[in-house]
C-alpha atoms as a PDB file:
ATOM      1  CA  MET A   1     162.378  95.828  11.568  1.00  0.00           C
ATOM      2  CA  PRO A   2     159.685  95.865  14.346  1.00  0.00           C
ATOM      3  CA  ARG A   3     159.712  93.103  16.899  1.00  0.00           C
ATOM      4  CA  LYS A   4     156.709  90.852  17.318  1.00  0.00           C
ATOM      5  CA  LYS A   5     154.940  91.026  20.632  1.00  0.00           C
ATOM      6  CA  THR A   6     154.797  87.802  22.584  1.00  0.00           C
ATOM      7  CA  LYS A   7     151.394  86.589  23.666  1.00  0.00           C
ATOM      8  CA  LYS A   8     150.503  86.747  27.344  1.00  0.00           C
ATOM      9  CA  ALA A   9     150.262  83.444  29.142  1.00  0.00           C
ATOM     10  CA  ARG A  10     146.691  82.382  29.687  1.00  0.00           C
ATOM     11  CA  LYS A  11     145.370  82.502  33.235  1.00  0.00           C
ATOM     12  CA  PRO A  12     144.598  78.959  34.409  1.00  0.00           C
ATOM     13  CA  VAL A  13     140.939  78.067  34.957  1.00  0.00           C
ATOM     14  CA  LYS A  14     140.026  77.277  38.550  1.00  0.00           C
ATOM     15  CA  PHE A  15     137.755  74.318  39.105  1.00  0.00           C
ATOM     16  CA  LYS A  16     135.724  73.584  42.214  1.00  0.00           C
ATOM     17  CA  LEU A  17     134.520  70.166  43.296  1.00  0.00           C
ATOM     18  CA  ILE A  18     130.781  69.637  43.774  1.00  0.00           C
ATOM     19  CA  THR A  19     129.419  66.405  45.200  1.00  0.00           C
ATOM     20  CA  ILE A  20     125.862  65.167  44.680  1.00  0.00           C
ATOM     21  CA  LYS A  21     124.204  61.983  45.805  1.00  0.00           C
ATOM     22  CA  VAL A  22     122.190  59.810  43.427  1.00  0.00           C
ATOM     23  CA  THR A  23     120.565  56.454  43.924  1.00  0.00           C
ATOM     24  CA  ALA A  24     121.952  53.328  42.305  1.00  0.00           C
ATOM     25  CA  ARG A  25     119.114  53.334  39.792  1.00  0.00           C
ATOM     26  CA  GLN A  26     119.750  56.999  38.890  1.00  0.00           C
ATOM     27  CA  LYS A  27     123.459  56.259  38.455  1.00  0.00           C
ATOM     28  CA  LYS A  28     122.683  53.338  36.153  1.00  0.00           C
ATOM     29  CA  SER A  29     120.303  55.489  34.117  1.00  0.00           C
ATOM     30  CA  LEU A  30     122.882  58.271  33.886  1.00  0.00           C
ATOM     31  CA  VAL A  31     125.605  55.912  32.689  1.00  0.00           C
ATOM     32  CA  ASN A  32     123.310  54.221  30.146  1.00  0.00           C
ATOM     33  CA  TYR A  33     122.063  57.550  28.785  1.00  0.00           C
ATOM     34  CA  SER A  34     125.644  58.835  28.526  1.00  0.00           C
ATOM     35  CA  LYS A  35     126.749  55.732  26.619  1.00  0.00           C
ATOM     36  CA  SER A  36     123.844  56.047  24.197  1.00  0.00           C
ATOM     37  CA  ARG A  37     124.787  59.691  23.490  1.00  0.00           C
ATOM     38  CA  HIS A  38     128.550  58.932  23.290  1.00  0.00           C
ATOM     39  CA  THR A  39     129.470  61.333  26.086  1.00  0.00           C
ATOM     40  CA  THR A  40     130.488  61.216  29.734  1.00  0.00           C
ATOM     41  CA  PRO A  41     128.167  61.624  32.732  1.00  0.00           C
ATOM     42  CA  ASN A  42     130.106  64.708  33.812  1.00  0.00           C
ATOM     43  CA  LYS A  43     129.627  66.447  30.450  1.00  0.00           C
ATOM     44  CA  LEU A  44     125.978  65.456  30.433  1.00  0.00           C
ATOM     45  CA  ILE A  45     125.343  67.025  33.855  1.00  0.00           C
ATOM     46  CA  LYS A  46     127.271  70.189  32.945  1.00  0.00           C
ATOM     47  CA  LYS A  47     125.300  70.572  29.722  1.00  0.00           C
ATOM     48  CA  ALA A  48     122.019  70.146  31.598  1.00  0.00           C
ATOM     49  CA  ILE A  49     122.711  72.832  34.228  1.00  0.00           C
ATOM     50  CA  ARG A  50     124.561  75.338  31.997  1.00  0.00           C
ATOM     51  CA  PRO A  51     121.405  77.318  30.998  1.00  0.00           C
ATOM     52  CA  LEU A  52     120.465  77.699  34.654  1.00  0.00           C
ATOM     53  CA  LEU A  53     123.864  79.046  35.746  1.00  0.00           C
ATOM     54  CA  ASP A  54     125.137  81.161  32.836  1.00  0.00           C
ATOM     55  CA  ASN A  55     123.588  84.489  33.769  1.00  0.00           C
ATOM     56  CA  TYR A  56     124.060  84.424  37.527  1.00  0.00           C
ATOM     57  CA  SER A  57     127.836  84.610  38.066  1.00  0.00           C
ATOM     58  CA  GLY A  58     127.922  88.417  38.399  1.00  0.00           C
ATOM     59  CA  MET A  59     124.621  88.798  40.197  1.00  0.00           C
ATOM     60  CA  VAL A  60     124.626  90.328  43.672  1.00  0.00           C
ATOM     61  CA  VAL A  61     122.275  88.506  46.007  1.00  0.00           C
ATOM     62  CA  THR A  62     120.550  90.503  48.716  1.00  0.00           C
ATOM     63  CA  VAL A  63     118.776  88.864  51.617  1.00  0.00           C
ATOM     64  CA  ASN A  64     115.656  90.649  52.798  1.00  0.00           C
ATOM     65  CA  LYS A  65     114.521  89.971  56.328  1.00  0.00           C
ATOM     66  CA  PRO A  66     110.759  89.646  56.602  1.00  0.00           C
ATOM     67  CA  GLU A  67     109.037  92.361  58.610  1.00  0.00           C
ATOM     68  CA  THR A  68     107.564  91.282  61.885  1.00  0.00           C
ATOM     69  CA  LEU A  69     103.866  92.051  61.913  1.00  0.00           C
ATOM     70  CA  ASN A  70     102.063  93.068  65.036  1.00  0.00           C
ATOM     71  CA  GLN A  71      99.905  90.234  66.180  1.00  0.00           C
ATOM     72  CA  LEU A  72      97.362  92.430  67.898  1.00  0.00           C
ATOM     73  CA  GLN A  73      95.915  95.501  66.247  1.00  0.00           C
ATOM     74  CA  LEU A  74      93.810  97.661  68.516  1.00  0.00           C
ATOM     75  CA  PHE A  75      93.061 100.451  66.073  1.00  0.00           C
END
């Protein structure tokens, strides 16, 4: 009788801490909006920025230095 293969352990997800500053009024608005939608402020922020960040994790960013133009052209 063949033996069943055991499943591989899942690799743990690494989380990074990001800090943003909001005013007291923005914080109050965020908390009130979250309560009205029955969610947490953290989930609300993540849901809002997800479309902006989904397609950029594998992108290679190149920095182009601007060319210096000659200030004086004689010809």
